[in-house]
Amino acid sequence: MIIYKETKRQFIEDVFNDEIEGNIDHLVLEKMHRHTGKAEFNSWMNSMQYMYKVLNTSDIPDDSDVAIEYRIPNTNRRVDFIVAGEDETGKQAKELISCNFSYFIKKRRTNGVISVDLVD
């Protein structure tokens, strides 16, 4: 199940207008029938600002898909952030991004998943 799915253009607009965390919160209630805690809400507010900075480039087409909080079926696992679209040759491309935030960025790639850690 994908909680939030929009184009990159819409995601950029939602973050710029300070609406992204409220939109995700509403969609969690609508799709998962649960309320989110303050910590989870705040994590969206913070992490989506970082993802805004990553995606706010002309290198990523505006019509690329952005999916947030993808729940992997039949597991308790999730992917924090997915960007999907076509590369410069027209071939389908996806980047799976796992976000664990604290303070400073450290990136690593494992099995096709990009993990971004902000560590002390």
N, C-alpha and C. Protein backbone atom coordinates (compact mmCIF):
# COMPACT_ATOMS: atom_id res chain seq x y z
N MET A 1 0.85 -1.18 0.00
CA MET A 1 0.00 0.00 0.00
C MET A 1 0.89 1.24 0.00
N ILE A 2 0.57 2.16 -0.85
CA ILE A 2 1.27 3.45 -0.90
C ILE A 2 0.38 4.49 -0.23
N ILE A 3 0.94 5.21 0.72
CA ILE A 3 0.17 6.22 1.43
C ILE A 3 0.03 7.48 0.60
N TYR A 4 1.12 7.99 0.07
CA TYR A 4 1.12 9.24 -0.70
C TYR A 4 1.72 8.95 -2.06
N LYS A 5 1.02 9.31 -3.14
CA LYS A 5 1.55 9.13 -4.49
C LYS A 5 1.16 10.34 -5.32
N GLU A 6 2.15 11.07 -5.74
CA GLU A 6 1.94 12.26 -6.57
C GLU A 6 3.11 12.40 -7.54
N THR A 7 3.02 13.38 -8.41
CA THR A 7 4.15 13.69 -9.27
C THR A 7 5.19 14.46 -8.46
N LYS A 8 6.40 14.49 -8.98
CA LYS A 8 7.45 15.28 -8.33
C LYS A 8 7.01 16.73 -8.23
N ARG A 9 6.40 17.24 -9.28
CA ARG A 9 5.93 18.63 -9.29
C ARG A 9 4.98 18.90 -8.12
N GLN A 10 4.01 17.99 -7.90
CA GLN A 10 3.05 18.15 -6.81
C GLN A 10 3.72 18.00 -5.45
N PHE A 11 4.65 17.05 -5.33
CA PHE A 11 5.38 16.88 -4.08
C PHE A 11 6.14 18.17 -3.73
N ILE A 12 6.84 18.74 -4.69
CA ILE A 12 7.59 19.98 -4.47
C ILE A 12 6.64 21.08 -4.00
N GLU A 13 5.48 21.17 -4.63
CA GLU A 13 4.49 22.18 -4.24
C GLU A 13 3.95 21.92 -2.83
N ASP A 14 3.66 20.66 -2.51
CA ASP A 14 3.15 20.32 -1.18
C ASP A 14 4.15 20.67 -0.08
N VAL A 15 5.43 20.40 -0.33
CA VAL A 15 6.45 20.73 0.67
C VAL A 15 6.63 22.24 0.76
N PHE A 16 6.73 22.89 -0.39
CA PHE A 16 6.93 24.35 -0.42
C PHE A 16 5.82 25.08 0.34
N ASN A 17 4.59 24.58 0.21
CA ASN A 17 3.43 25.20 0.87
C ASN A 17 3.20 24.68 2.30
N ASP A 18 4.16 23.92 2.83
CA ASP A 18 4.06 23.35 4.19
C ASP A 18 2.79 22.52 4.38
N GLU A 19 2.43 21.75 3.36
CA GLU A 19 1.23 20.91 3.41
C GLU A 19 1.53 19.42 3.44
N ILE A 20 2.78 19.03 3.17
CA ILE A 20 3.09 17.62 2.97
C ILE A 20 2.78 16.75 4.18
N GLU A 21 3.21 17.19 5.37
CA GLU A 21 3.00 16.35 6.56
C GLU A 21 1.51 16.22 6.89
N GLY A 22 0.74 17.27 6.68
CA GLY A 22 -0.71 17.21 6.89
C GLY A 22 -1.38 16.30 5.88
N ASN A 23 -0.91 16.36 4.63
CA ASN A 23 -1.45 15.49 3.59
C ASN A 23 -1.18 14.02 3.91
N ILE A 24 0.06 13.71 4.32
CA ILE A 24 0.40 12.33 4.66
C ILE A 24 -0.41 11.87 5.86
N ASP A 25 -0.52 12.72 6.87
CA ASP A 25 -1.29 12.40 8.07
C ASP A 25 -2.74 12.06 7.71
N HIS A 26 -3.35 12.88 6.87
CA HIS A 26 -4.73 12.65 6.43
C HIS A 26 -4.84 11.32 5.67
N LEU A 27 -3.86 11.05 4.80
CA LEU A 27 -3.90 9.82 4.01
C LEU A 27 -3.69 8.57 4.87
N VAL A 28 -2.87 8.67 5.92
CA VAL A 28 -2.70 7.54 6.85
C VAL A 28 -4.03 7.23 7.52
N LEU A 29 -4.74 8.26 7.96
CA LEU A 29 -6.04 8.06 8.58
C LEU A 29 -7.03 7.46 7.58
N GLU A 30 -7.04 8.00 6.37
CA GLU A 30 -7.96 7.54 5.34
C GLU A 30 -7.68 6.10 4.90
N LYS A 31 -6.42 5.76 4.69
CA LYS A 31 -6.07 4.46 4.12
C LYS A 31 -5.79 3.38 5.17
N MET A 32 -5.27 3.80 6.33
CA MET A 32 -4.88 2.81 7.34
C MET A 32 -5.77 2.86 8.57
N HIS A 33 -6.68 3.83 8.61
CA HIS A 33 -7.63 3.98 9.71
C HIS A 33 -6.94 4.09 11.06
N ARG A 34 -5.87 4.89 11.08
CA ARG A 34 -5.18 5.13 12.35
C ARG A 34 -4.66 6.56 12.39
N HIS A 35 -4.53 7.05 13.61
CA HIS A 35 -3.96 8.38 13.81
C HIS A 35 -2.46 8.24 13.99
N THR A 36 -1.73 9.25 13.58
CA THR A 36 -0.28 9.23 13.74
C THR A 36 0.11 9.99 15.00
N GLY A 37 1.22 9.59 15.58
CA GLY A 37 1.73 10.29 16.75
C GLY A 37 2.52 11.52 16.36
N LYS A 38 2.79 12.34 17.34
CA LYS A 38 3.52 13.59 17.11
C LYS A 38 4.92 13.33 16.55
N ALA A 39 5.61 12.29 17.04
CA ALA A 39 6.96 11.99 16.56
C ALA A 39 6.96 11.62 15.08
N GLU A 40 6.00 10.80 14.66
CA GLU A 40 5.92 10.41 13.25
C GLU A 40 5.59 11.62 12.39
N PHE A 41 4.64 12.43 12.83
CA PHE A 41 4.26 13.65 12.11
C PHE A 41 5.48 14.56 11.96
N ASN A 42 6.22 14.76 13.05
CA ASN A 42 7.42 15.62 13.01
C ASN A 42 8.50 15.04 12.11
N SER A 43 8.61 13.72 12.06
CA SER A 43 9.62 13.11 11.18
C SER A 43 9.29 13.38 9.72
N TRP A 44 8.00 13.35 9.36
CA TRP A 44 7.63 13.71 7.98
C TRP A 44 7.96 15.17 7.71
N MET A 45 7.63 16.03 8.66
CA MET A 45 7.87 17.46 8.48
C MET A 45 9.36 17.71 8.23
N ASN A 46 10.23 17.04 8.97
CA ASN A 46 11.67 17.23 8.81
C ASN A 46 12.22 16.53 7.58
N SER A 47 11.91 15.25 7.42
CA SER A 47 12.52 14.48 6.34
C SER A 47 12.07 14.94 4.96
N MET A 48 10.83 15.38 4.84
CA MET A 48 10.36 15.82 3.53
C MET A 48 11.05 17.11 3.08
N GLN A 49 11.52 17.91 4.03
CA GLN A 49 12.31 19.10 3.67
C GLN A 49 13.62 18.69 3.01
N TYR A 50 14.24 17.63 3.53
CA TYR A 50 15.47 17.13 2.92
C TYR A 50 15.20 16.55 1.54
N MET A 51 14.12 15.78 1.42
CA MET A 51 13.80 15.18 0.13
C MET A 51 13.43 16.26 -0.89
N TYR A 52 12.81 17.32 -0.44
CA TYR A 52 12.53 18.48 -1.30
C TYR A 52 13.83 19.00 -1.90
N LYS A 53 14.86 19.14 -1.08
CA LYS A 53 16.15 19.64 -1.56
C LYS A 53 16.78 18.67 -2.55
N VAL A 54 16.62 17.37 -2.33
CA VAL A 54 17.17 16.37 -3.23
C VAL A 54 16.45 16.40 -4.58
N LEU A 55 15.13 16.53 -4.56
CA LEU A 55 14.34 16.43 -5.79
C LEU A 55 14.18 17.75 -6.53
N ASN A 56 14.45 18.85 -5.91
CA ASN A 56 14.21 20.16 -6.52
C ASN A 56 15.33 20.49 -7.51
N THR A 57 15.37 19.73 -8.58
CA THR A 57 16.37 19.88 -9.63
C THR A 57 15.73 19.53 -10.97
N SER A 58 16.21 20.16 -12.02
CA SER A 58 15.69 19.86 -13.35
C SER A 58 16.21 18.51 -13.86
N ASP A 59 17.17 17.90 -13.16
CA ASP A 59 17.68 16.59 -13.55
C ASP A 59 16.63 15.50 -13.38
N ILE A 60 15.66 15.73 -12.52
CA ILE A 60 14.56 14.78 -12.29
C ILE A 60 13.31 15.38 -12.90
N PRO A 61 12.72 14.71 -13.90
CA PRO A 61 11.55 15.28 -14.58
C PRO A 61 10.39 15.54 -13.61
N ASP A 62 9.66 16.63 -13.87
CA ASP A 62 8.53 17.02 -13.01
C ASP A 62 7.43 15.97 -12.97
N ASP A 63 7.31 15.16 -14.03
CA ASP A 63 6.24 14.16 -14.06
C ASP A 63 6.67 12.81 -13.46
N SER A 64 7.85 12.74 -12.87
CA SER A 64 8.26 11.52 -12.16
C SER A 64 7.30 11.28 -11.01
N ASP A 65 7.12 10.01 -10.66
CA ASP A 65 6.24 9.66 -9.55
C ASP A 65 7.00 9.69 -8.24
N VAL A 66 6.35 10.19 -7.21
CA VAL A 66 6.89 10.18 -5.85
C VAL A 66 5.90 9.40 -4.99
N ALA A 67 6.39 8.38 -4.30
CA ALA A 67 5.56 7.60 -3.39
C ALA A 67 6.20 7.63 -2.01
N ILE A 68 5.38 7.83 -1.00
CA ILE A 68 5.87 7.94 0.37
C ILE A 68 5.16 6.91 1.24
N GLU A 69 5.93 6.26 2.12
CA GLU A 69 5.39 5.29 3.07
C GLU A 69 4.77 4.09 2.35
N TYR A 70 5.57 3.44 1.50
CA TYR A 70 5.12 2.23 0.82
C TYR A 70 5.24 1.05 1.77
N ARG A 71 4.12 0.44 2.09
CA ARG A 71 4.09 -0.74 2.97
C ARG A 71 4.23 -1.99 2.10
N ILE A 72 5.24 -2.79 2.38
CA ILE A 72 5.48 -4.00 1.60
C ILE A 72 4.47 -5.05 2.04
N PRO A 73 3.67 -5.58 1.10
CA PRO A 73 2.61 -6.53 1.45
C PRO A 73 3.14 -7.74 2.23
N ASN A 74 2.34 -8.19 3.17
CA ASN A 74 2.60 -9.38 3.99
C ASN A 74 3.85 -9.26 4.87
N THR A 75 4.28 -8.04 5.14
CA THR A 75 5.42 -7.82 6.03
C THR A 75 5.14 -6.59 6.88
N ASN A 76 5.97 -6.36 7.87
CA ASN A 76 5.91 -5.12 8.64
C ASN A 76 6.89 -4.09 8.10
N ARG A 77 7.44 -4.34 6.94
CA ARG A 77 8.46 -3.46 6.38
C ARG A 77 7.85 -2.41 5.47
N ARG A 78 8.61 -1.32 5.33
CA ARG A 78 8.16 -0.26 4.44
C ARG A 78 9.36 0.40 3.79
N VAL A 79 9.11 1.06 2.70
CA VAL A 79 10.10 1.90 2.03
C VAL A 79 9.64 3.33 2.27
N ASP A 80 10.53 4.17 2.76
CA ASP A 80 10.16 5.54 3.10
C ASP A 80 9.77 6.37 1.88
N PHE A 81 10.55 6.24 0.81
CA PHE A 81 10.40 7.17 -0.30
C PHE A 81 10.80 6.47 -1.59
N ILE A 82 9.97 6.60 -2.62
CA ILE A 82 10.26 6.02 -3.93
C ILE A 82 10.12 7.12 -4.98
N VAL A 83 11.09 7.19 -5.88
CA VAL A 83 11.00 8.07 -7.04
C VAL A 83 11.04 7.16 -8.25
N ALA A 84 10.06 7.28 -9.13
CA ALA A 84 9.98 6.42 -10.30
C ALA A 84 9.67 7.25 -11.54
N GLY A 85 10.20 6.83 -12.64
CA GLY A 85 9.96 7.51 -13.91
C GLY A 85 10.80 6.84 -14.98
N GLU A 86 11.19 7.61 -15.98
CA GLU A 86 12.02 7.10 -17.05
C GLU A 86 13.36 7.81 -17.03
N ASP A 87 14.42 7.04 -17.37
CA ASP A 87 15.73 7.68 -17.47
C ASP A 87 15.85 8.36 -18.83
N GLU A 88 17.03 8.89 -19.11
CA GLU A 88 17.22 9.66 -20.35
C GLU A 88 17.06 8.82 -21.61
N THR A 89 17.10 7.47 -21.50
CA THR A 89 16.90 6.61 -22.66
C THR A 89 15.46 6.13 -22.79
N GLY A 90 14.60 6.53 -21.86
CA GLY A 90 13.21 6.10 -21.89
C GLY A 90 12.95 4.82 -21.12
N LYS A 91 13.99 4.27 -20.50
CA LYS A 91 13.85 3.05 -19.72
C LYS A 91 13.30 3.38 -18.34
N GLN A 92 12.37 2.54 -17.84
CA GLN A 92 11.81 2.77 -16.51
C GLN A 92 12.90 2.70 -15.45
N ALA A 93 12.84 3.65 -14.52
CA ALA A 93 13.85 3.71 -13.45
C ALA A 93 13.15 3.99 -12.13
N LYS A 94 13.68 3.39 -11.05
CA LYS A 94 13.14 3.61 -9.71
C LYS A 94 14.31 3.76 -8.74
N GLU A 95 14.14 4.64 -7.79
CA GLU A 95 15.08 4.77 -6.68
C GLU A 95 14.29 4.58 -5.39
N LEU A 96 14.71 3.66 -4.57
CA LEU A 96 14.10 3.43 -3.26
C LEU A 96 14.98 4.11 -2.24
N ILE A 97 14.39 4.92 -1.40
CA ILE A 97 15.16 5.71 -0.44
C ILE A 97 14.65 5.44 0.96
N SER A 98 15.56 5.05 1.82
CA SER A 98 15.24 4.83 3.23
C SER A 98 15.84 5.97 4.02
N CYS A 99 15.04 6.65 4.83
CA CYS A 99 15.50 7.82 5.57
C CYS A 99 15.52 7.54 7.07
N ASN A 100 16.68 7.73 7.68
CA ASN A 100 16.83 7.64 9.13
C ASN A 100 17.51 8.92 9.56
N PHE A 101 16.80 9.79 10.24
CA PHE A 101 17.30 11.13 10.47
C PHE A 101 17.75 11.37 11.90
N SER A 102 18.90 12.05 12.01
CA SER A 102 19.40 12.54 13.28
C SER A 102 20.03 13.91 13.05
N TYR A 103 21.26 14.00 12.51
CA TYR A 103 21.86 15.32 12.27
C TYR A 103 22.58 15.49 10.92
N PHE A 104 23.60 14.68 10.62
CA PHE A 104 24.39 14.89 9.41
C PHE A 104 24.17 13.75 8.42
N ILE A 105 24.29 14.06 7.13
CA ILE A 105 23.99 13.08 6.10
C ILE A 105 25.14 12.11 5.87
N LYS A 106 24.80 10.83 5.78
CA LYS A 106 25.72 9.78 5.36
C LYS A 106 24.89 8.88 4.44
N LYS A 107 25.35 8.67 3.19
CA LYS A 107 24.58 7.88 2.24
C LYS A 107 25.27 6.54 1.99
N ARG A 108 24.45 5.51 1.77
CA ARG A 108 24.98 4.22 1.37
C ARG A 108 23.94 3.53 0.48
N ARG A 109 24.41 2.65 -0.37
CA ARG A 109 23.52 1.91 -1.26
C ARG A 109 23.72 0.42 -0.98
N THR A 110 22.61 -0.26 -0.69
CA THR A 110 22.63 -1.69 -0.42
C THR A 110 21.47 -2.34 -1.15
N ASN A 111 21.76 -3.32 -1.97
CA ASN A 111 20.71 -4.06 -2.69
C ASN A 111 19.72 -3.14 -3.40
N GLY A 112 20.22 -2.09 -4.03
CA GLY A 112 19.36 -1.19 -4.79
C GLY A 112 18.61 -0.18 -3.95
N VAL A 113 18.82 -0.17 -2.63
CA VAL A 113 18.13 0.78 -1.76
C VAL A 113 19.14 1.82 -1.30
N ILE A 114 18.80 3.09 -1.47
CA ILE A 114 19.65 4.17 -0.99
C ILE A 114 19.20 4.50 0.42
N SER A 115 20.12 4.43 1.36
CA SER A 115 19.82 4.82 2.73
C SER A 115 20.49 6.14 3.02
N VAL A 116 19.75 7.05 3.58
CA VAL A 116 20.29 8.36 3.94
C VAL A 116 20.17 8.49 5.44
N ASP A 117 21.29 8.53 6.13
CA ASP A 117 21.30 8.68 7.58
C ASP A 117 21.83 10.05 7.93
N LEU A 118 21.16 10.72 8.82
CA LEU A 118 21.66 11.96 9.38
C LEU A 118 22.15 11.61 10.77
N VAL A 119 23.46 11.58 10.95
CA VAL A 119 24.03 11.10 12.21
C VAL A 119 24.85 12.18 12.89
N ASP A 120 25.04 12.03 14.21
CA ASP A 120 25.87 12.97 14.98
C ASP A 120 27.29 12.94 14.48
